[in-house]
Amino acid sequence: MATIMVVDDSKTVRNYHGAILKSQEFEIIEAENGMEALEKSLDADIDMYLVDVNMPIMDGYSFISDLRKQANYKTVPVIMVTTQEKEEDKISAYKVGANLFETKPIKPDLLKSYVDILVKS
């Protein structure tokens, strides 16, 4: 079973994304910020990340940048899901290594499609 980490400071958002992904039989690991996500990644084999931008302690951009420095996570899929909508936000996400960029709330069918492409294929 593939494991997906949901990184967001909002418990509601983590529950929302988690429910969508659990319906597809994925194991879910949650983290409230980038620092916690990095720590949890040390003890797990993560197949994909859903990451918010604005979080305390370590934001999503810093998290992805640090994640990509780790040999075993250089190519793991990352979807940034955020309320940020500006073009420069998307560019920043792609520059640090995100694979996709979506605004909240992501539609369940769209998230499922992305997971089918990035994890199941």
PDB file of N, CA and C in Angstrom:
ATOM      1  N   MET A   1       0.849  -1.183   0.000  1.00  0.00           N
ATOM      2  CA  MET A   1       0.000   0.000   0.000  1.00  0.00           C
ATOM      3  C   MET A   1       0.892   1.243   0.000  1.00  0.00           C
ATOM      4  N   ALA A   2       0.580   2.173  -0.872  1.00  0.00           N
ATOM      5  CA  ALA A   2       1.352   3.413  -0.957  1.00  0.00           C
ATOM      6  C   ALA A   2       1.012   4.337   0.206  1.00  0.00           C
ATOM      7  N   THR A   3       1.981   5.160   0.571  1.00  0.00           N
ATOM      8  CA  THR A   3       1.823   6.091   1.681  1.00  0.00           C
ATOM      9  C   THR A   3       1.926   7.530   1.156  1.00  0.00           C
ATOM     10  N   ILE A   4       0.960   8.347   1.559  1.00  0.00           N
ATOM     11  CA  ILE A   4       0.941   9.757   1.170  1.00  0.00           C
ATOM     12  C   ILE A   4       0.967  10.604   2.428  1.00  0.00           C
ATOM     13  N   MET A   5       1.843  11.611   2.440  1.00  0.00           N
ATOM     14  CA  MET A   5       1.898  12.531   3.571  1.00  0.00           C
ATOM     15  C   MET A   5       1.146  13.813   3.216  1.00  0.00           C
ATOM     16  N   VAL A   6       0.261  14.207   4.113  1.00  0.00           N
ATOM     17  CA  VAL A   6      -0.497  15.442   3.967  1.00  0.00           C
ATOM     18  C   VAL A   6       0.101  16.454   4.944  1.00  0.00           C
ATOM     19  N   VAL A   7       0.666  17.526   4.397  1.00  0.00           N
ATOM     20  CA  VAL A   7       1.365  18.534   5.199  1.00  0.00           C
ATOM     21  C   VAL A   7       0.571  19.834   5.140  1.00  0.00           C
ATOM     22  N   ASP A   8      -0.108  20.158   6.239  1.00  0.00           N
ATOM     23  CA  ASP A   8      -0.937  21.364   6.297  1.00  0.00           C
ATOM     24  C   ASP A   8      -1.160  21.701   7.765  1.00  0.00           C
ATOM     25  N   ASP A   9      -1.143  22.992   8.097  1.00  0.00           N
ATOM     26  CA  ASP A   9      -1.350  23.379   9.489  1.00  0.00           C
ATOM     27  C   ASP A   9      -2.819  23.316   9.903  1.00  0.00           C
ATOM     28  N   SER A  10      -3.720  23.141   8.954  1.00  0.00           N
ATOM     29  CA  SER A  10      -5.146  23.046   9.260  1.00  0.00           C
ATOM     30  C   SER A  10      -5.568  21.582   9.402  1.00  0.00           C
ATOM     31  N   LYS A  11      -6.063  21.232  10.576  1.00  0.00           N
ATOM     32  CA  LYS A  11      -6.553  19.870  10.821  1.00  0.00           C
ATOM     33  C   LYS A  11      -7.712  19.550   9.874  1.00  0.00           C
ATOM     34  N   THR A  12      -8.552  20.525   9.601  1.00  0.00           N
ATOM     35  CA  THR A  12      -9.690  20.325   8.705  1.00  0.00           C
ATOM     36  C   THR A  12      -9.215  19.938   7.309  1.00  0.00           C
ATOM     37  N   VAL A  13      -8.208  20.638   6.808  1.00  0.00           N
ATOM     38  CA  VAL A  13      -7.673  20.332   5.478  1.00  0.00           C
ATOM     39  C   VAL A  13      -7.008  18.958   5.478  1.00  0.00           C
ATOM     40  N   ARG A  14      -6.251  18.645   6.524  1.00  0.00           N
ATOM     41  CA  ARG A  14      -5.624  17.318   6.600  1.00  0.00           C
ATOM     42  C   ARG A  14      -6.685  16.218   6.600  1.00  0.00           C
ATOM     43  N   ASN A  15      -7.772  16.437   7.337  1.00  0.00           N
ATOM     44  CA  ASN A  15      -8.860  15.451   7.366  1.00  0.00           C
ATOM     45  C   ASN A  15      -9.526  15.314   6.002  1.00  0.00           C
ATOM     46  N   TYR A  16      -9.746  16.448   5.325  1.00  0.00           N
ATOM     47  CA  TYR A  16     -10.393  16.457   4.006  1.00  0.00           C
ATOM     48  C   TYR A  16      -9.550  15.675   2.998  1.00  0.00           C
ATOM     49  N   HIS A  17      -8.272  16.035   2.889  1.00  0.00           N
ATOM     50  CA  HIS A  17      -7.396  15.334   1.952  1.00  0.00           C
ATOM     51  C   HIS A  17      -7.234  13.866   2.347  1.00  0.00           C
ATOM     52  N   GLY A  18      -7.083  13.634   3.641  1.00  0.00           N
ATOM     53  CA  GLY A  18      -6.929  12.265   4.125  1.00  0.00           C
ATOM     54  C   GLY A  18      -8.117  11.388   3.781  1.00  0.00           C
ATOM     55  N   ALA A  19      -9.325  11.915   3.922  1.00  0.00           N
ATOM     56  CA  ALA A  19     -10.537  11.142   3.620  1.00  0.00           C
ATOM     57  C   ALA A  19     -10.594  10.768   2.135  1.00  0.00           C
ATOM     58  N   ILE A  20     -10.226  11.710   1.280  1.00  0.00           N
ATOM     59  CA  ILE A  20     -10.214  11.438  -0.168  1.00  0.00           C
ATOM     60  C   ILE A  20      -9.218  10.316  -0.470  1.00  0.00           C
ATOM     61  N   LEU A  21      -8.038  10.427   0.100  1.00  0.00           N
ATOM     62  CA  LEU A  21      -6.974   9.462  -0.187  1.00  0.00           C
ATOM     63  C   LEU A  21      -7.225   8.104   0.458  1.00  0.00           C
ATOM     64  N   LYS A  22      -7.790   8.103   1.654  1.00  0.00           N
ATOM     65  CA  LYS A  22      -8.108   6.827   2.311  1.00  0.00           C
ATOM     66  C   LYS A  22      -9.151   6.054   1.519  1.00  0.00           C
ATOM     67  N   SER A  23     -10.053   6.777   0.832  1.00  0.00           N
ATOM     68  CA  SER A  23     -11.065   6.103   0.013  1.00  0.00           C
ATOM     69  C   SER A  23     -10.426   5.364  -1.156  1.00  0.00           C
ATOM     70  N   GLN A  24      -9.182   5.694  -1.468  1.00  0.00           N
ATOM     71  CA  GLN A  24      -8.434   5.000  -2.520  1.00  0.00           C
ATOM     72  C   GLN A  24      -7.446   3.996  -1.926  1.00  0.00           C
ATOM     73  N   GLU A  25      -7.612   3.707  -0.654  1.00  0.00           N
ATOM     74  CA  GLU A  25      -6.807   2.688   0.026  1.00  0.00           C
ATOM     75  C   GLU A  25      -5.358   3.093   0.274  1.00  0.00           C
ATOM     76  N   PHE A  26      -5.078   4.375   0.409  1.00  0.00           N
ATOM     77  CA  PHE A  26      -3.729   4.823   0.732  1.00  0.00           C
ATOM     78  C   PHE A  26      -3.558   4.946   2.236  1.00  0.00           C
ATOM     79  N   GLU A  27      -2.339   4.709   2.686  1.00  0.00           N
ATOM     80  CA  GLU A  27      -2.003   4.998   4.076  1.00  0.00           C
ATOM     81  C   GLU A  27      -1.666   6.487   4.130  1.00  0.00           C
ATOM     82  N   ILE A  28      -2.132   7.160   5.167  1.00  0.00           N
ATOM     83  CA  ILE A  28      -1.937   8.607   5.296  1.00  0.00           C
ATOM     84  C   ILE A  28      -1.095   8.908   6.526  1.00  0.00           C
ATOM     85  N   ILE A  29      -0.113   9.765   6.337  1.00  0.00           N
ATOM     86  CA  ILE A  29       0.655  10.323   7.451  1.00  0.00           C
ATOM     87  C   ILE A  29       0.424  11.826   7.409  1.00  0.00           C
ATOM     88  N   GLU A  30       0.143  12.415   8.565  1.00  0.00           N
ATOM     89  CA  GLU A  30      -0.121  13.849   8.626  1.00  0.00           C
ATOM     90  C   GLU A  30       1.032  14.583   9.296  1.00  0.00           C
ATOM     91  N   ALA A  31       1.238  15.831   8.848  1.00  0.00           N
ATOM     92  CA  ALA A  31       2.208  16.717   9.485  1.00  0.00           C
ATOM     93  C   ALA A  31       1.629  18.130   9.472  1.00  0.00           C
ATOM     94  N   GLU A  32       1.888  18.878  10.551  1.00  0.00           N
ATOM     95  CA  GLU A  32       1.337  20.228  10.685  1.00  0.00           C
ATOM     96  C   GLU A  32       2.198  21.307  10.053  1.00  0.00           C
ATOM     97  N   ASN A  33       3.445  20.983   9.742  1.00  0.00           N
ATOM     98  CA  ASN A  33       4.344  21.965   9.135  1.00  0.00           C
ATOM     99  C   ASN A  33       5.504  21.224   8.470  1.00  0.00           C
ATOM    100  N   GLY A  34       6.311  21.970   7.741  1.00  0.00           N
ATOM    101  CA  GLY A  34       7.404  21.357   7.002  1.00  0.00           C
ATOM    102  C   GLY A  34       8.431  20.658   7.874  1.00  0.00           C
ATOM    103  N   MET A  35       8.730  21.229   9.028  1.00  0.00           N
ATOM    104  CA  MET A  35       9.716  20.622   9.922  1.00  0.00           C
ATOM    105  C   MET A  35       9.235  19.256  10.413  1.00  0.00           C
ATOM    106  N   GLU A  36       7.983  19.200  10.835  1.00  0.00           N
ATOM    107  CA  GLU A  36       7.423  17.920  11.282  1.00  0.00           C
ATOM    108  C   GLU A  36       7.398  16.914  10.122  1.00  0.00           C
ATOM    109  N   ALA A  37       7.099  17.376   8.923  1.00  0.00           N
ATOM    110  CA  ALA A  37       7.074  16.493   7.757  1.00  0.00           C
ATOM    111  C   ALA A  37       8.459  15.923   7.462  1.00  0.00           C
ATOM    112  N   LEU A  38       9.490  16.767   7.562  1.00  0.00           N
ATOM    113  CA  LEU A  38      10.857  16.271   7.342  1.00  0.00           C
ATOM    114  C   LEU A  38      11.224  15.217   8.374  1.00  0.00           C
ATOM    115  N   GLU A  39      10.878  15.480   9.625  1.00  0.00           N
ATOM    116  CA  GLU A  39      11.182  14.521  10.693  1.00  0.00           C
ATOM    117  C   GLU A  39      10.461  13.197  10.469  1.00  0.00           C
ATOM    118  N   LYS A  40       9.186  13.249  10.120  1.00  0.00           N
ATOM    119  CA  LYS A  40       8.419  12.023   9.899  1.00  0.00           C
ATOM    120  C   LYS A  40       8.900  11.287   8.653  1.00  0.00           C
ATOM    121  N   SER A  41       9.440  12.016   7.685  1.00  0.00           N
ATOM    122  CA  SER A  41       9.950  11.385   6.464  1.00  0.00           C
ATOM    123  C   SER A  41      11.181  10.525   6.723  1.00  0.00           C
ATOM    124  N   LEU A  42      11.892  10.824   7.802  1.00  0.00           N
ATOM    125  CA  LEU A  42      13.072  10.033   8.144  1.00  0.00           C
ATOM    126  C   LEU A  42      12.719   8.603   8.522  1.00  0.00           C
ATOM    127  N   ASP A  43      11.525   8.431   9.095  1.00  0.00           N
ATOM    128  CA  ASP A  43      11.114   7.121   9.600  1.00  0.00           C
ATOM    129  C   ASP A  43      10.076   6.432   8.723  1.00  0.00           C
ATOM    130  N   ALA A  44       9.834   6.959   7.523  1.00  0.00           N
ATOM    131  CA  ALA A  44       8.782   6.391   6.675  1.00  0.00           C
ATOM    132  C   ALA A  44       9.238   6.373   5.221  1.00  0.00           C
ATOM    133  N   ASP A  45       8.536   5.600   4.427  1.00  0.00           N
ATOM    134  CA  ASP A  45       8.768   5.561   2.987  1.00  0.00           C
ATOM    135  C   ASP A  45       7.553   6.211   2.338  1.00  0.00           C
ATOM    136  N   ILE A  46       7.680   7.474   1.978  1.00  0.00           N
ATOM    137  CA  ILE A  46       6.560   8.261   1.460  1.00  0.00           C
ATOM    138  C   ILE A  46       6.548   8.169  -0.068  1.00  0.00           C
ATOM    139  N   ASP A  47       5.370   7.895  -0.620  1.00  0.00           N
ATOM    140  CA  ASP A  47       5.218   7.771  -2.074  1.00  0.00           C
ATOM    141  C   ASP A  47       4.749   9.056  -2.742  1.00  0.00           C
ATOM    142  N   MET A  48       4.166   9.981  -1.963  1.00  0.00           N
ATOM    143  CA  MET A  48       3.724  11.265  -2.491  1.00  0.00           C
ATOM    144  C   MET A  48       3.430  12.209  -1.333  1.00  0.00           C
ATOM    145  N   TYR A  49       3.550  13.501  -1.602  1.00  0.00           N
ATOM    146  CA  TYR A  49       3.242  14.541  -0.606  1.00  0.00           C
ATOM    147  C   TYR A  49       2.193  15.489  -1.152  1.00  0.00           C
ATOM    148  N   LEU A  50       1.277  15.909  -0.270  1.00  0.00           N
ATOM    149  CA  LEU A  50       0.392  17.052  -0.522  1.00  0.00           C
ATOM    150  C   LEU A  50       0.839  18.112   0.457  1.00  0.00           C
ATOM    151  N   VAL A  51       1.200  19.303  -0.047  1.00  0.00           N
ATOM    152  CA  VAL A  51       1.850  20.299   0.801  1.00  0.00           C
ATOM    153  C   VAL A  51       1.186  21.663   0.657  1.00  0.00           C
ATOM    154  N   ASP A  52       0.897  22.290   1.797  1.00  0.00           N
ATOM    155  CA  ASP A  52       0.402  23.665   1.846  1.00  0.00           C
ATOM    156  C   ASP A  52       1.593  24.614   1.740  1.00  0.00           C
ATOM    157  N   VAL A  53       1.341  25.880   1.420  1.00  0.00           N
ATOM    158  CA  VAL A  53       2.408  26.878   1.376  1.00  0.00           C
ATOM    159  C   VAL A  53       2.599  27.517   2.742  1.00  0.00           C
ATOM    160  N   ASN A  54       1.547  28.142   3.262  1.00  0.00           N
ATOM    161  CA  ASN A  54       1.650  28.927   4.492  1.00  0.00           C
ATOM    162  C   ASN A  54       1.441  28.064   5.729  1.00  0.00           C
ATOM    163  N   MET A  55       2.559  27.815   6.438  1.00  0.00           N
ATOM    164  CA  MET A  55       2.511  27.038   7.675  1.00  0.00           C
ATOM    165  C   MET A  55       3.529  27.625   8.644  1.00  0.00           C
ATOM    166  N   PRO A  56       3.286  27.470   9.939  1.00  0.00           N
ATOM    167  CA  PRO A  56       4.278  27.953  10.913  1.00  0.00           C
ATOM    168  C   PRO A  56       5.523  27.058  10.924  1.00  0.00           C
ATOM    169  N   ILE A  57       6.583  27.534  11.500  1.00  0.00           N
ATOM    170  CA  ILE A  57       7.864  26.843  11.692  1.00  0.00           C
ATOM    171  C   ILE A  57       8.608  26.660  10.370  1.00  0.00           C
ATOM    172  N   MET A  58       8.025  25.950   9.401  1.00  0.00           N
ATOM    173  CA  MET A  58       8.635  25.798   8.082  1.00  0.00           C
ATOM    174  C   MET A  58       7.527  25.768   7.031  1.00  0.00           C
ATOM    175  N   ASP A  59       7.588  26.712   6.078  1.00  0.00           N
ATOM    176  CA  ASP A  59       6.551  26.773   5.043  1.00  0.00           C
ATOM    177  C   ASP A  59       6.761  25.697   3.980  1.00  0.00           C
ATOM    178  N   GLY A  60       5.815  25.604   3.074  1.00  0.00           N
ATOM    179  CA  GLY A  60       5.846  24.575   2.058  1.00  0.00           C
ATOM    180  C   GLY A  60       7.012  24.691   1.092  1.00  0.00           C
ATOM    181  N   TYR A  61       7.373  25.919   0.713  1.00  0.00           N
ATOM    182  CA  TYR A  61       8.499  26.100  -0.206  1.00  0.00           C
ATOM    183  C   TYR A  61       9.801  25.590   0.424  1.00  0.00           C
ATOM    184  N   SER A  62      10.033  25.972   1.676  1.00  0.00           N
ATOM    185  CA  SER A  62      11.248  25.535   2.372  1.00  0.00           C
ATOM    186  C   SER A  62      11.259  24.023   2.552  1.00  0.00           C
ATOM    187  N   PHE A  63      10.095  23.472   2.870  1.00  0.00           N
ATOM    188  CA  PHE A  63      10.000  22.026   3.045  1.00  0.00           C
ATOM    189  C   PHE A  63      10.385  21.287   1.762  1.00  0.00           C
ATOM    190  N   ILE A  64       9.781  21.684   0.644  1.00  0.00           N
ATOM    191  CA  ILE A  64      10.062  20.996  -0.623  1.00  0.00           C
ATOM    192  C   ILE A  64      11.534  21.149  -0.996  1.00  0.00           C
ATOM    193  N   SER A  65      12.051  22.348  -0.799  1.00  0.00           N
ATOM    194  CA  SER A  65      13.465  22.591  -1.104  1.00  0.00           C
ATOM    195  C   SER A  65      14.369  21.660  -0.292  1.00  0.00           C
ATOM    196  N   ASP A  66      14.102  21.542   1.008  1.00  0.00           N
ATOM    197  CA  ASP A  66      14.891  20.652   1.865  1.00  0.00           C
ATOM    198  C   ASP A  66      14.667  19.181   1.512  1.00  0.00           C
ATOM    199  N   LEU A  67      13.432  18.831   1.193  1.00  0.00           N
ATOM    200  CA  LEU A  67      13.109  17.448   0.827  1.00  0.00           C
ATOM    201  C   LEU A  67      13.895  17.022  -0.411  1.00  0.00           C
ATOM    202  N   ARG A  68      13.983  17.903  -1.393  1.00  0.00           N
ATOM    203  CA  ARG A  68      14.661  17.579  -2.652  1.00  0.00           C
ATOM    204  C   ARG A  68      16.173  17.411  -2.478  1.00  0.00           C
ATOM    205  N   LYS A  69      16.721  17.857  -1.357  1.00  0.00           N
ATOM    206  CA  LYS A  69      18.149  17.685  -1.079  1.00  0.00           C
ATOM    207  C   LYS A  69      18.469  16.272  -0.581  1.00  0.00           C
ATOM    208  N   GLN A  70      17.431  15.520  -0.190  1.00  0.00           N
ATOM    209  CA  GLN A  70      17.618  14.162   0.313  1.00  0.00           C
ATOM    210  C   GLN A  70      17.562  13.186  -0.859  1.00  0.00           C
ATOM    211  N   ALA A  71      18.576  12.363  -0.983  1.00  0.00           N
ATOM    212  CA  ALA A  71      18.705  11.455  -2.124  1.00  0.00           C
ATOM    213  C   ALA A  71      17.455  10.604  -2.358  1.00  0.00           C
ATOM    214  N   ASN A  72      16.866  10.086  -1.294  1.00  0.00           N
ATOM    215  CA  ASN A  72      15.724   9.192  -1.457  1.00  0.00           C
ATOM    216  C   ASN A  72      14.414   9.934  -1.740  1.00  0.00           C
ATOM    217  N   TYR A  73      14.420  11.263  -1.713  1.00  0.00           N
ATOM    218  CA  TYR A  73      13.204  12.027  -1.994  1.00  0.00           C
ATOM    219  C   TYR A  73      13.374  13.039  -3.123  1.00  0.00           C
ATOM    220  N   LYS A  74      14.411  12.864  -3.940  1.00  0.00           N
ATOM    221  CA  LYS A  74      14.642  13.789  -5.055  1.00  0.00           C
ATOM    222  C   LYS A  74      13.523  13.749  -6.094  1.00  0.00           C
ATOM    223  N   THR A  75      12.908  12.595  -6.278  1.00  0.00           N
ATOM    224  CA  THR A  75      11.913  12.455  -7.344  1.00  0.00           C
ATOM    225  C   THR A  75      10.516  12.082  -6.853  1.00  0.00           C
ATOM    226  N   VAL A  76      10.306  11.989  -5.535  1.00  0.00           N
ATOM    227  CA  VAL A  76       8.975  11.647  -5.028  1.00  0.00           C
ATOM    228  C   VAL A  76       7.992  12.757  -5.434  1.00  0.00           C
ATOM    229  N   PRO A  77       6.803  12.395  -5.920  1.00  0.00           N
ATOM    230  CA  PRO A  77       5.844  13.410  -6.352  1.00  0.00           C
ATOM    231  C   PRO A  77       5.371  14.312  -5.210  1.00  0.00           C
ATOM    232  N   VAL A  78       5.274  15.606  -5.512  1.00  0.00           N
ATOM    233  CA  VAL A  78       4.782  16.598  -4.552  1.00  0.00           C
ATOM    234  C   VAL A  78       3.727  17.454  -5.243  1.00  0.00           C
ATOM    235  N   ILE A  79       2.547  17.513  -4.624  1.00  0.00           N
ATOM    236  CA  ILE A  79       1.496  18.415  -5.099  1.00  0.00           C
ATOM    237  C   ILE A  79       1.343  19.512  -4.064  1.00  0.00           C
ATOM    238  N   MET A  80       1.513  20.745  -4.479  1.00  0.00           N
ATOM    239  CA  MET A  80       1.298  21.874  -3.588  1.00  0.00           C
ATOM    240  C   MET A  80      -0.167  22.268  -3.716  1.00  0.00           C
ATOM    241  N   VAL A  81      -0.874  22.263  -2.592  1.00  0.00           N
ATOM    242  CA  VAL A  81      -2.291  22.618  -2.561  1.00  0.00           C
ATOM    243  C   VAL A  81      -2.438  23.769  -1.577  1.00  0.00           C
ATOM    244  N   THR A  82      -2.812  24.945  -2.085  1.00  0.00           N
ATOM    245  CA  THR A  82      -2.759  26.153  -1.278  1.00  0.00           C
ATOM    246  C   THR A  82      -3.853  27.145  -1.655  1.00  0.00           C
ATOM    247  N   THR A  83      -4.019  28.150  -0.831  1.00  0.00           N
ATOM    248  CA  THR A  83      -4.943  29.234  -1.166  1.00  0.00           C
ATOM    249  C   THR A  83      -4.250  30.295  -2.026  1.00  0.00           C
ATOM    250  N   GLN A  84      -2.940  30.214  -2.141  1.00  0.00           N
ATOM    251  CA  GLN A  84      -2.180  31.158  -2.963  1.00  0.00           C
ATOM    252  C   GLN A  84      -2.536  30.919  -4.436  1.00  0.00           C
ATOM    253  N   GLU A  85      -2.857  32.002  -5.152  1.00  0.00           N
ATOM    254  CA  GLU A  85      -3.315  31.832  -6.525  1.00  0.00           C
ATOM    255  C   GLU A  85      -2.493  32.584  -7.563  1.00  0.00           C
ATOM    256  N   LYS A  86      -1.535  33.354  -7.144  1.00  0.00           N
ATOM    257  CA  LYS A  86      -0.790  34.179  -8.086  1.00  0.00           C
ATOM    258  C   LYS A  86       0.168  33.336  -8.918  1.00  0.00           C
ATOM    259  N   GLU A  87       0.453  33.831 -10.112  1.00  0.00           N
ATOM    260  CA  GLU A  87       1.367  33.133 -11.007  1.00  0.00           C
ATOM    261  C   GLU A  87       2.739  32.950 -10.365  1.00  0.00           C
ATOM    262  N   GLU A  88       3.205  33.967  -9.627  1.00  0.00           N
ATOM    263  CA  GLU A  88       4.518  33.855  -8.982  1.00  0.00           C
ATOM    264  C   GLU A  88       4.538  32.766  -7.904  1.00  0.00           C
ATOM    265  N   ASP A  89       3.376  32.480  -7.299  1.00  0.00           N
ATOM    266  CA  ASP A  89       3.294  31.386  -6.334  1.00  0.00           C
ATOM    267  C   ASP A  89       3.514  30.049  -7.035  1.00  0.00           C
ATOM    268  N   LYS A  90       2.899  29.891  -8.193  1.00  0.00           N
ATOM    269  CA  LYS A  90       3.084  28.667  -8.972  1.00  0.00           C
ATOM    270  C   LYS A  90       4.540  28.520  -9.396  1.00  0.00           C
ATOM    271  N   ILE A  91       5.111  29.591  -9.881  1.00  0.00           N
ATOM    272  CA  ILE A  91       6.507  29.555 -10.330  1.00  0.00           C
ATOM    273  C   ILE A  91       7.424  29.185  -9.168  1.00  0.00           C
ATOM    274  N   SER A  92       7.177  29.789  -8.006  1.00  0.00           N
ATOM    275  CA  SER A  92       7.987  29.469  -6.825  1.00  0.00           C
ATOM    276  C   SER A  92       7.862  27.995  -6.454  1.00  0.00           C
ATOM    277  N   ALA A  93       6.663  27.459  -6.552  1.00  0.00           N
ATOM    278  CA  ALA A  93       6.437  26.045  -6.226  1.00  0.00           C
ATOM    279  C   ALA A  93       7.220  25.140  -7.172  1.00  0.00           C
ATOM    280  N   TYR A  94       7.157  25.447  -8.443  1.00  0.00           N
ATOM    281  CA  TYR A  94       7.869  24.618  -9.418  1.00  0.00           C
ATOM    282  C   TYR A  94       9.384  24.768  -9.290  1.00  0.00           C
ATOM    283  N   LYS A  95       9.835  25.954  -8.940  1.00  0.00           N
ATOM    284  CA  LYS A  95      11.278  26.181  -8.779  1.00  0.00           C
ATOM    285  C   LYS A  95      11.870  25.343  -7.649  1.00  0.00           C
ATOM    286  N   VAL A  96      11.112  25.148  -6.569  1.00  0.00           N
ATOM    287  CA  VAL A  96      11.633  24.354  -5.447  1.00  0.00           C
ATOM    288  C   VAL A  96      11.429  22.856  -5.647  1.00  0.00           C
ATOM    289  N   GLY A  97      10.661  22.470  -6.670  1.00  0.00           N
ATOM    290  CA  GLY A  97      10.543  21.055  -6.976  1.00  0.00           C
ATOM    291  C   GLY A  97       9.163  20.439  -6.906  1.00  0.00           C
ATOM    292  N   ALA A  98       8.111  21.262  -6.794  1.00  0.00           N
ATOM    293  CA  ALA A  98       6.756  20.699  -6.811  1.00  0.00           C
ATOM    294  C   ALA A  98       6.455  20.146  -8.204  1.00  0.00           C
ATOM    295  N   ASN A  99       5.676  19.075  -8.256  1.00  0.00           N
ATOM    296  CA  ASN A  99       5.275  18.496  -9.538  1.00  0.00           C
ATOM    297  C   ASN A  99       3.997  19.134 -10.066  1.00  0.00           C
ATOM    298  N   LEU A 100       3.094  19.478  -9.143  1.00  0.00           N
ATOM    299  CA  LEU A 100       1.820  20.102  -9.511  1.00  0.00           C
ATOM    300  C   LEU A 100       1.472  21.185  -8.500  1.00  0.00           C
ATOM    301  N   PHE A 101       0.609  22.110  -8.921  1.00  0.00           N
ATOM    302  CA  PHE A 101       0.189  23.220  -8.068  1.00  0.00           C
ATOM    303  C   PHE A 101      -1.315  23.379  -8.236  1.00  0.00           C
ATOM    304  N   GLU A 102      -2.054  23.306  -7.149  1.00  0.00           N
ATOM    305  CA  GLU A 102      -3.508  23.473  -7.175  1.00  0.00           C
ATOM    306  C   GLU A 102      -3.951  24.390  -6.042  1.00  0.00           C
ATOM    307  N   THR A 103      -5.083  25.057  -6.260  1.00  0.00           N
ATOM    308  CA  THR A 103      -5.625  25.908  -5.193  1.00  0.00           C
ATOM    309  C   THR A 103      -6.675  25.131  -4.412  1.00  0.00           C
ATOM    310  N   LYS A 104      -6.795  25.522  -3.144  1.00  0.00           N
ATOM    311  CA  LYS A 104      -7.779  24.904  -2.246  1.00  0.00           C
ATOM    312  C   LYS A 104      -9.152  25.501  -2.538  1.00  0.00           C
ATOM    313  N   PRO A 105     -10.190  24.737  -2.348  1.00  0.00           N
ATOM    314  CA  PRO A 105     -10.167  23.302  -2.052  1.00  0.00           C
ATOM    315  C   PRO A 105     -10.019  22.504  -3.348  1.00  0.00           C
ATOM    316  N   ILE A 106      -9.158  21.520  -3.333  1.00  0.00           N
ATOM    317  CA  ILE A 106      -8.983  20.674  -4.505  1.00  0.00           C
ATOM    318  C   ILE A 106     -10.178  19.738  -4.613  1.00  0.00           C
ATOM    319  N   LYS A 107     -10.683  19.573  -5.805  1.00  0.00           N
ATOM    320  CA  LYS A 107     -11.837  18.695  -6.017  1.00  0.00           C
ATOM    321  C   LYS A 107     -11.387  17.234  -5.867  1.00  0.00           C
ATOM    322  N   PRO A 108     -12.198  16.428  -5.189  1.00  0.00           N
ATOM    323  CA  PRO A 108     -11.820  15.027  -4.961  1.00  0.00           C
ATOM    324  C   PRO A 108     -11.454  14.264  -6.234  1.00  0.00           C
ATOM    325  N   ASP A 109     -12.237  14.428  -7.299  1.00  0.00           N
ATOM    326  CA  ASP A 109     -11.949  13.693  -8.537  1.00  0.00           C
ATOM    327  C   ASP A 109     -10.622  14.115  -9.148  1.00  0.00           C
ATOM    328  N   LEU A 110     -10.292  15.401  -9.037  1.00  0.00           N
ATOM    329  CA  LEU A 110      -9.023  15.895  -9.561  1.00  0.00           C
ATOM    330  C   LEU A 110      -7.858  15.305  -8.762  1.00  0.00           C
ATOM    331  N   LEU A 111      -7.978  15.322  -7.433  1.00  0.00           N
ATOM    332  CA  LEU A 111      -6.929  14.745  -6.589  1.00  0.00           C
ATOM    333  C   LEU A 111      -6.752  13.254  -6.897  1.00  0.00           C
ATOM    334  N   LYS A 112      -7.853  12.541  -7.026  1.00  0.00           N
ATOM    335  CA  LYS A 112      -7.779  11.106  -7.349  1.00  0.00           C
ATOM    336  C   LYS A 112      -7.082  10.887  -8.690  1.00  0.00           C
ATOM    337  N   SER A 113      -7.373  11.733  -9.664  1.00  0.00           N
ATOM    338  CA  SER A 113      -6.727  11.610 -10.981  1.00  0.00           C
ATOM    339  C   SER A 113      -5.225  11.831 -10.877  1.00  0.00           C
ATOM    340  N   TYR A 114      -4.839  12.855 -10.129  1.00  0.00           N
ATOM    341  CA  TYR A 114      -3.411  13.135  -9.945  1.00  0.00           C
ATOM    342  C   TYR A 114      -2.700  11.958  -9.278  1.00  0.00           C
ATOM    343  N   VAL A 115      -3.332  11.396  -8.270  1.00  0.00           N
ATOM    344  CA  VAL A 115      -2.736  10.267  -7.557  1.00  0.00           C
ATOM    345  C   VAL A 115      -2.619   9.057  -8.485  1.00  0.00           C
ATOM    346  N   ASP A 116      -3.630   8.850  -9.304  1.00  0.00           N
ATOM    347  CA  ASP A 116      -3.570   7.748 -10.276  1.00  0.00           C
ATOM    348  C   ASP A 116      -2.363   7.906 -11.191  1.00  0.00           C
ATOM    349  N   ILE A 117      -2.097   9.126 -11.619  1.00  0.00           N
ATOM    350  CA  ILE A 117      -0.987   9.380 -12.532  1.00  0.00           C
ATOM    351  C   ILE A 117       0.361   9.315 -11.794  1.00  0.00           C
ATOM    352  N   LEU A 118       0.450   9.960 -10.640  1.00  0.00           N
ATOM    353  CA  LEU A 118       1.742  10.111  -9.966  1.00  0.00           C
ATOM    354  C   LEU A 118       2.159   8.930  -9.094  1.00  0.00           C
ATOM    355  N   VAL A 119       1.199   8.215  -8.553  1.00  0.00           N
ATOM    356  CA  VAL A 119       1.537   7.143  -7.610  1.00  0.00           C
ATOM    357  C   VAL A 119       1.215   5.758  -8.175  1.00  0.00           C
ATOM    358  N   LYS A 120       0.068   5.602  -8.760  1.00  0.00           N
ATOM    359  CA  LYS A 120      -0.373   4.273  -9.184  1.00  0.00           C
ATOM    360  C   LYS A 120       0.239   3.822 -10.499  1.00  0.00           C
ATOM    361  N   SER A 121       0.711   4.753 -11.321  1.00  0.00           N
ATOM    362  CA  SER A 121       1.207   4.358 -12.643  1.00  0.00           C
ATOM    363  C   SER A 121       2.572   3.712 -12.588  1.00  0.00           C
TER     364      SER A 121
END
